[in-house]
């Protein structure tokens, strides 16, 4: 693999981020610098950390950045739950976002485990 852009997990995280950016537009205006901002930040952190980790010189560093991406996913999961409980995210939208995020988290975890097993997998020149 030559680029992080080829990773399905990165592609899915971009899709989720774009969907979330559209979803938070419906939040109350007074949440612009609150929950809305936190959701956007956490969602952007996922593909950003996947990309940054891929470009690192050592697989151990890549794994660490994937773990950070996974942690951002957990943060995002919490924020989505709060947004749902506050009535900012309708149940149907919350369910879809939660399912997409759960799939993304499984993919991240799977990639972390594969890299731990085979330190040469997916990381060029390491």
C-alpha atoms as a PDB file:
ATOM      1  CA  UNK A   1       0.000   0.000   0.000  1.00  0.00           C
ATOM      2  CA  UNK A   2       1.455   3.329  -1.060  1.00  0.00           C
ATOM      3  CA  UNK A   3      -0.922   5.764   0.649  1.00  0.00           C
ATOM      4  CA  UNK A   4      -3.184   5.942   3.672  1.00  0.00           C
ATOM      5  CA  UNK A   5      -5.878   7.047   1.209  1.00  0.00           C
ATOM      6  CA  UNK A   6      -6.065   3.422   0.045  1.00  0.00           C
ATOM      7  CA  UNK A   7      -7.075   2.228   3.522  1.00  0.00           C
ATOM      8  CA  UNK A   8     -10.784   1.409   3.814  1.00  0.00           C
ATOM      9  CA  UNK A   9     -10.713   2.506   7.463  1.00  0.00           C
ATOM     10  CA  UNK A  10      -9.421   5.947   6.463  1.00  0.00           C
ATOM     11  CA  UNK A  11     -12.036   6.241   3.683  1.00  0.00           C
ATOM     12  CA  UNK A  12     -14.849   5.281   6.084  1.00  0.00           C
ATOM     13  CA  UNK A  13     -13.609   7.754   8.677  1.00  0.00           C
ATOM     14  CA  UNK A  14     -13.693  10.545   6.083  1.00  0.00           C
ATOM     15  CA  UNK A  15     -17.262   9.591   5.142  1.00  0.00           C
ATOM     16  CA  UNK A  16     -18.311   9.601   8.794  1.00  0.00           C
ATOM     17  CA  UNK A  17     -16.692  12.995   9.352  1.00  0.00           C
ATOM     18  CA  UNK A  18     -18.527  14.508   6.385  1.00  0.00           C
ATOM     19  CA  UNK A  19     -21.839  13.088   7.583  1.00  0.00           C
ATOM     20  CA  UNK A  20     -21.230  14.440  11.098  1.00  0.00           C
ATOM     21  CA  UNK A  21     -20.408  17.904   9.811  1.00  0.00           C
ATOM     22  CA  UNK A  22     -23.817  17.931   8.115  1.00  0.00           C
ATOM     23  CA  UNK A  23     -25.565  16.519  11.177  1.00  0.00           C
ATOM     24  CA  UNK A  24     -24.260  19.174  13.584  1.00  0.00           C
ATOM     25  CA  UNK A  25     -25.580  21.943  11.331  1.00  0.00           C
ATOM     26  CA  UNK A  26     -29.000  21.083  12.787  1.00  0.00           C
ATOM     27  CA  UNK A  27     -27.815  21.573  16.391  1.00  0.00           C
ATOM     28  CA  UNK A  28     -28.960  24.677  18.275  1.00  0.00           C
ATOM     29  CA  UNK A  29     -26.855  27.744  17.435  1.00  0.00           C
ATOM     30  CA  UNK A  30     -25.694  28.076  21.044  1.00  0.00           C
ATOM     31  CA  UNK A  31     -23.933  24.706  20.624  1.00  0.00           C
ATOM     32  CA  UNK A  32     -21.658  26.089  17.897  1.00  0.00           C
ATOM     33  CA  UNK A  33     -18.685  26.256  20.285  1.00  0.00           C
ATOM     34  CA  UNK A  34     -19.846  23.463  22.564  1.00  0.00           C
ATOM     35  CA  UNK A  35     -20.866  19.952  21.647  1.00  0.00           C
ATOM     36  CA  UNK A  36     -20.966  20.690  17.910  1.00  0.00           C
ATOM     37  CA  UNK A  37     -17.337  21.812  17.937  1.00  0.00           C
ATOM     38  CA  UNK A  38     -16.239  18.822  20.014  1.00  0.00           C
ATOM     39  CA  UNK A  39     -17.967  16.365  17.669  1.00  0.00           C
ATOM     40  CA  UNK A  40     -16.291  17.927  14.652  1.00  0.00           C
ATOM     41  CA  UNK A  41     -12.885  17.931  16.338  1.00  0.00           C
ATOM     42  CA  UNK A  42     -13.137  14.288  17.454  1.00  0.00           C
ATOM     43  CA  UNK A  43     -14.389  13.121  14.063  1.00  0.00           C
ATOM     44  CA  UNK A  44     -11.587  14.924  12.205  1.00  0.00           C
ATOM     45  CA  UNK A  45      -9.023  13.468  14.613  1.00  0.00           C
ATOM     46  CA  UNK A  46      -9.806   9.917  13.482  1.00  0.00           C
ATOM     47  CA  UNK A  47      -8.737  10.121   9.806  1.00  0.00           C
ATOM     48  CA  UNK A  48      -6.022  12.632  10.702  1.00  0.00           C
ATOM     49  CA  UNK A  49      -4.346  10.220  13.112  1.00  0.00           C
ATOM     50  CA  UNK A  50      -4.702   7.310  10.700  1.00  0.00           C
ATOM     51  CA  UNK A  51      -2.957   9.398   8.029  1.00  0.00           C
ATOM     52  CA  UNK A  52      -0.244  10.711  10.325  1.00  0.00           C
ATOM     53  CA  UNK A  53       0.510   7.274  11.724  1.00  0.00           C
ATOM     54  CA  UNK A  54       0.797   5.763   8.252  1.00  0.00           C
ATOM     55  CA  UNK A  55       3.552   8.228   7.371  1.00  0.00           C
ATOM     56  CA  UNK A  56       5.667   7.476  10.450  1.00  0.00           C
ATOM     57  CA  UNK A  57       8.974   5.658  10.158  1.00  0.00           C
ATOM     58  CA  UNK A  58       8.172   2.794  12.515  1.00  0.00           C
ATOM     59  CA  UNK A  59       5.229   0.447  12.800  1.00  0.00           C
ATOM     60  CA  UNK A  60       5.127   1.002  16.572  1.00  0.00           C
ATOM     61  CA  UNK A  61       4.480   4.700  15.942  1.00  0.00           C
ATOM     62  CA  UNK A  62       1.782   3.826  13.418  1.00  0.00           C
ATOM     63  CA  UNK A  63       0.081   1.603  15.995  1.00  0.00           C
ATOM     64  CA  UNK A  64       0.232   4.411  18.554  1.00  0.00           C
ATOM     65  CA  UNK A  65      -1.493   6.838  16.172  1.00  0.00           C
ATOM     66  CA  UNK A  66      -4.146   4.221  15.395  1.00  0.00           C
ATOM     67  CA  UNK A  67      -4.753   3.894  19.141  1.00  0.00           C
ATOM     68  CA  UNK A  68      -5.175   7.662  19.338  1.00  0.00           C
ATOM     69  CA  UNK A  69      -7.680   7.474  16.462  1.00  0.00           C
ATOM     70  CA  UNK A  70      -9.506   4.716  18.361  1.00  0.00           C
ATOM     71  CA  UNK A  71      -9.592   6.903  21.488  1.00  0.00           C
ATOM     72  CA  UNK A  72     -11.048   9.758  19.445  1.00  0.00           C
ATOM     73  CA  UNK A  73     -13.727   7.318  18.323  1.00  0.00           C
ATOM     74  CA  UNK A  74     -14.602   6.569  21.950  1.00  0.00           C
ATOM     75  CA  UNK A  75     -14.750  10.297  22.647  1.00  0.00           C
ATOM     76  CA  UNK A  76     -17.006  10.753  19.621  1.00  0.00           C
ATOM     77  CA  UNK A  77     -19.258   7.903  20.746  1.00  0.00           C
ATOM     78  CA  UNK A  78     -19.764   9.653  24.082  1.00  0.00           C
ATOM     79  CA  UNK A  79     -20.490  12.995  22.432  1.00  0.00           C
ATOM     80  CA  UNK A  80     -23.053  11.440  20.091  1.00  0.00           C
ATOM     81  CA  UNK A  81     -24.803   9.812  23.027  1.00  0.00           C
ATOM     82  CA  UNK A  82     -24.983  13.157  24.832  1.00  0.00           C
ATOM     83  CA  UNK A  83     -26.267  14.883  21.678  1.00  0.00           C
ATOM     84  CA  UNK A  84     -28.951  12.213  21.349  1.00  0.00           C
ATOM     85  CA  UNK A  85     -30.015  12.490  24.987  1.00  0.00           C
ATOM     86  CA  UNK A  86     -30.245  16.281  24.620  1.00  0.00           C
ATOM     87  CA  UNK A  87     -32.506  15.821  21.598  1.00  0.00           C
ATOM     88  CA  UNK A  88     -30.015  17.257  19.084  1.00  0.00           C
ATOM     89  CA  UNK A  89     -29.757  13.990  17.139  1.00  0.00           C
ATOM     90  CA  UNK A  90     -32.964  12.172  16.192  1.00  0.00           C
ATOM     91  CA  UNK A  91     -32.982   8.482  17.136  1.00  0.00           C
ATOM     92  CA  UNK A  92     -32.749   7.250  13.537  1.00  0.00           C
ATOM     93  CA  UNK A  93     -29.743   9.481  12.792  1.00  0.00           C
ATOM     94  CA  UNK A  94     -28.108   8.547  16.103  1.00  0.00           C
ATOM     95  CA  UNK A  95     -28.558   4.839  15.351  1.00  0.00           C
ATOM     96  CA  UNK A  96     -26.978   5.200  11.912  1.00  0.00           C
ATOM     97  CA  UNK A  97     -24.041   7.236  13.233  1.00  0.00           C
ATOM     98  CA  UNK A  98     -23.506   4.812  16.106  1.00  0.00           C
ATOM     99  CA  UNK A  99     -23.512   1.833  13.743  1.00  0.00           C
ATOM    100  CA  UNK A 100     -21.075   3.536  11.372  1.00  0.00           C
ATOM    101  CA  UNK A 101     -18.806   4.490  14.257  1.00  0.00           C
ATOM    102  CA  UNK A 102     -18.934   0.965  15.714  1.00  0.00           C
ATOM    103  CA  UNK A 103     -17.904  -0.486  12.360  1.00  0.00           C
ATOM    104  CA  UNK A 104     -15.074   2.040  12.117  1.00  0.00           C
ATOM    105  CA  UNK A 105     -13.884   1.175  15.622  1.00  0.00           C
ATOM    106  CA  UNK A 106     -13.874  -2.554  14.749  1.00  0.00           C
ATOM    107  CA  UNK A 107     -11.851  -1.806  11.639  1.00  0.00           C
ATOM    108  CA  UNK A 108      -9.344   0.270  13.608  1.00  0.00           C
ATOM    109  CA  UNK A 109      -9.000  -2.439  16.211  1.00  0.00           C
ATOM    110  CA  UNK A 110      -8.523  -5.058  13.500  1.00  0.00           C
ATOM    111  CA  UNK A 111      -5.800  -3.000  11.823  1.00  0.00           C
ATOM    112  CA  UNK A 112      -4.034  -2.495  15.149  1.00  0.00           C
ATOM    113  CA  UNK A 113      -4.099  -6.246  15.813  1.00  0.00           C
ATOM    114  CA  UNK A 114      -2.810  -7.057  12.298  1.00  0.00           C
ATOM    115  CA  UNK A 115       0.036  -4.594  12.655  1.00  0.00           C
ATOM    116  CA  UNK A 116       0.965  -6.057  16.039  1.00  0.00           C
ATOM    117  CA  UNK A 117       1.031  -9.539  14.485  1.00  0.00           C
ATOM    118  CA  UNK A 118       2.881  -8.606  11.316  1.00  0.00           C
ATOM    119  CA  UNK A 119       4.986  -5.495  11.847  1.00  0.00           C
ATOM    120  CA  UNK A 120       5.651  -5.158   8.104  1.00  0.00           C
ATOM    121  CA  UNK A 121       1.996  -5.119   7.039  1.00  0.00           C
ATOM    122  CA  UNK A 122       0.797  -1.961   5.263  1.00  0.00           C
ATOM    123  CA  UNK A 123       3.708   0.222   6.341  1.00  0.00           C
ATOM    124  CA  UNK A 124       6.113   0.935   3.492  1.00  0.00           C
ATOM    125  CA  UNK A 125       9.858   0.895   4.184  1.00  0.00           C
ATOM    126  CA  UNK A 126       9.599  -0.027   7.866  1.00  0.00           C
END
